Amino acid sequence: MRIFRLTPEQARAVNEQLARAALFLRQIIQGFVVMARQAAEALQPLSRIREQLALRA
């Protein structure tokens, strides 16, 4: 493993890229959270039907 010394400009550039990458990942995760909520809402009626069928059996 090599260790490199960065100039202040390079360090700022790396920091900016890391910040962009973190934002991108946050957006992806937020998208998954939204999809999971939507899926849970869509499955609620099916869950109720299943419970009603189980009570009848």
N, C-alpha and C. Protein backbone atom coordinates (compact mmCIF):
# COMPACT_ATOMS: atom_id res chain seq x y z
N MET A 1 0.85 -1.18 0.00
CA MET A 1 0.00 0.00 0.00
C MET A 1 0.89 1.23 0.00
N ARG A 2 0.59 2.13 -0.90
CA ARG A 2 1.38 3.35 -0.98
C ARG A 2 0.62 4.50 -0.34
N ILE A 3 1.35 5.36 0.28
CA ILE A 3 0.78 6.56 0.87
C ILE A 3 1.25 7.75 0.04
N PHE A 4 0.31 8.54 -0.39
CA PHE A 4 0.63 9.71 -1.20
C PHE A 4 0.34 10.97 -0.40
N ARG A 5 1.15 11.95 -0.62
CA ARG A 5 0.89 13.26 -0.04
C ARG A 5 0.15 14.08 -1.09
N LEU A 6 -0.96 14.65 -0.66
CA LEU A 6 -1.76 15.46 -1.57
C LEU A 6 -1.49 16.93 -1.31
N THR A 7 -1.55 17.67 -2.39
CA THR A 7 -1.48 19.12 -2.24
C THR A 7 -2.82 19.58 -1.66
N PRO A 8 -2.88 20.76 -1.12
CA PRO A 8 -4.19 21.25 -0.62
C PRO A 8 -5.27 21.24 -1.70
N GLU A 9 -4.89 21.56 -2.92
CA GLU A 9 -5.86 21.55 -4.02
C GLU A 9 -6.36 20.14 -4.30
N GLN A 10 -5.43 19.17 -4.29
CA GLN A 10 -5.83 17.78 -4.51
C GLN A 10 -6.71 17.27 -3.38
N ALA A 11 -6.36 17.65 -2.16
CA ALA A 11 -7.16 17.23 -1.01
C ALA A 11 -8.57 17.79 -1.11
N ARG A 12 -8.71 19.04 -1.52
CA ARG A 12 -10.04 19.64 -1.71
C ARG A 12 -10.82 18.90 -2.80
N ALA A 13 -10.13 18.59 -3.89
CA ALA A 13 -10.79 17.88 -5.00
C ALA A 13 -11.26 16.50 -4.55
N VAL A 14 -10.43 15.79 -3.80
CA VAL A 14 -10.82 14.48 -3.29
C VAL A 14 -12.01 14.63 -2.35
N ASN A 15 -11.96 15.61 -1.48
CA ASN A 15 -13.06 15.85 -0.55
C ASN A 15 -14.36 16.15 -1.29
N GLU A 16 -14.29 16.94 -2.34
CA GLU A 16 -15.48 17.26 -3.13
C GLU A 16 -16.05 16.01 -3.80
N GLN A 17 -15.17 15.18 -4.33
CA GLN A 17 -15.62 13.94 -4.97
C GLN A 17 -16.26 13.00 -3.96
N LEU A 18 -15.68 12.91 -2.78
CA LEU A 18 -16.26 12.07 -1.74
C LEU A 18 -17.62 12.59 -1.31
N ALA A 19 -17.76 13.90 -1.23
CA ALA A 19 -19.04 14.50 -0.87
C ALA A 19 -20.09 14.19 -1.94
N ARG A 20 -19.70 14.28 -3.21
CA ARG A 20 -20.63 13.95 -4.31
C ARG A 20 -21.04 12.49 -4.25
N ALA A 21 -20.07 11.62 -3.99
CA ALA A 21 -20.37 10.18 -3.91
C ALA A 21 -21.31 9.90 -2.73
N ALA A 22 -21.09 10.56 -1.61
CA ALA A 22 -21.95 10.36 -0.44
C ALA A 22 -23.37 10.83 -0.75
N LEU A 23 -23.50 11.95 -1.43
CA LEU A 23 -24.82 12.46 -1.81
C LEU A 23 -25.53 11.49 -2.74
N PHE A 24 -24.79 10.97 -3.71
CA PHE A 24 -25.34 10.01 -4.66
C PHE A 24 -25.85 8.77 -3.93
N LEU A 25 -25.06 8.25 -3.00
CA LEU A 25 -25.48 7.08 -2.24
C LEU A 25 -26.70 7.38 -1.37
N ARG A 26 -26.73 8.57 -0.77
CA ARG A 26 -27.90 8.95 0.02
C ARG A 26 -29.16 8.97 -0.84
N GLN A 27 -29.03 9.49 -2.07
CA GLN A 27 -30.17 9.54 -2.97
C GLN A 27 -30.65 8.13 -3.34
N ILE A 28 -29.71 7.22 -3.57
CA ILE A 28 -30.07 5.84 -3.89
C ILE A 28 -30.79 5.20 -2.70
N ILE A 29 -30.24 5.38 -1.51
CA ILE A 29 -30.85 4.80 -0.31
C ILE A 29 -32.23 5.39 -0.09
N GLN A 30 -32.37 6.69 -0.28
CA GLN A 30 -33.68 7.32 -0.12
C GLN A 30 -34.68 6.75 -1.12
N GLY A 31 -34.23 6.47 -2.33
CA GLY A 31 -35.09 5.85 -3.33
C GLY A 31 -35.58 4.48 -2.88
N PHE A 32 -34.67 3.70 -2.29
CA PHE A 32 -35.07 2.39 -1.78
C PHE A 32 -36.05 2.52 -0.62
N VAL A 33 -35.86 3.50 0.23
CA VAL A 33 -36.78 3.72 1.34
C VAL A 33 -38.18 4.05 0.82
N VAL A 34 -38.24 4.91 -0.18
CA VAL A 34 -39.53 5.28 -0.78
C VAL A 34 -40.19 4.04 -1.40
N MET A 35 -39.42 3.24 -2.13
CA MET A 35 -39.99 2.04 -2.74
C MET A 35 -40.47 1.06 -1.68
N ALA A 36 -39.73 0.91 -0.60
CA ALA A 36 -40.14 0.00 0.48
C ALA A 36 -41.44 0.47 1.12
N ARG A 37 -41.56 1.77 1.33
CA ARG A 37 -42.82 2.31 1.90
C ARG A 37 -43.99 2.06 0.96
N GLN A 38 -43.77 2.30 -0.32
CA GLN A 38 -44.83 2.08 -1.29
C GLN A 38 -45.23 0.61 -1.34
N ALA A 39 -44.24 -0.28 -1.28
CA ALA A 39 -44.54 -1.72 -1.30
C ALA A 39 -45.33 -2.11 -0.05
N ALA A 40 -44.94 -1.57 1.09
CA ALA A 40 -45.66 -1.88 2.33
C ALA A 40 -47.10 -1.40 2.25
N GLU A 41 -47.30 -0.22 1.72
CA GLU A 41 -48.67 0.30 1.57
C GLU A 41 -49.47 -0.55 0.59
N ALA A 42 -48.85 -0.98 -0.49
CA ALA A 42 -49.55 -1.79 -1.49
C ALA A 42 -49.89 -3.16 -0.93
N LEU A 43 -49.09 -3.70 -0.04
CA LEU A 43 -49.32 -5.04 0.50
C LEU A 43 -50.26 -5.07 1.70
N GLN A 44 -50.57 -3.92 2.27
CA GLN A 44 -51.46 -3.89 3.43
C GLN A 44 -52.83 -4.53 3.15
N PRO A 45 -53.50 -4.20 2.04
CA PRO A 45 -54.80 -4.84 1.77
C PRO A 45 -54.67 -6.36 1.66
N LEU A 46 -53.60 -6.84 1.05
CA LEU A 46 -53.40 -8.29 0.92
C LEU A 46 -53.21 -8.92 2.29
N SER A 47 -52.53 -8.23 3.16
CA SER A 47 -52.31 -8.74 4.52
C SER A 47 -53.64 -8.85 5.26
N ARG A 48 -54.50 -7.85 5.10
CA ARG A 48 -55.82 -7.89 5.74
C ARG A 48 -56.66 -9.05 5.20
N ILE A 49 -56.61 -9.25 3.90
CA ILE A 49 -57.36 -10.36 3.29
C ILE A 49 -56.85 -11.69 3.84
N ARG A 50 -55.56 -11.83 3.93
CA ARG A 50 -54.98 -13.06 4.44
C ARG A 50 -55.42 -13.31 5.88
N GLU A 51 -55.43 -12.23 6.70
CA GLU A 51 -55.87 -12.37 8.08
C GLU A 51 -57.34 -12.80 8.14
N GLN A 52 -58.19 -12.21 7.28
CA GLN A 52 -59.60 -12.58 7.28
C GLN A 52 -59.79 -14.04 6.86
N LEU A 53 -59.02 -14.48 5.87
CA LEU A 53 -59.12 -15.87 5.44
C LEU A 53 -58.64 -16.82 6.53
N ALA A 54 -57.64 -16.43 7.27
CA ALA A 54 -57.13 -17.26 8.36
C ALA A 54 -58.15 -17.37 9.48
N LEU A 55 -58.91 -16.30 9.73
CA LEU A 55 -59.92 -16.33 10.77
C LEU A 55 -61.08 -17.26 10.39
N ARG A 56 -61.37 -17.34 9.10
CA ARG A 56 -62.47 -18.20 8.63
C ARG A 56 -62.10 -19.68 8.69
N ALA A 57 -60.85 -19.97 8.58
CA ALA A 57 -60.42 -21.39 8.53
C ALA A 57 -60.45 -22.07 9.86
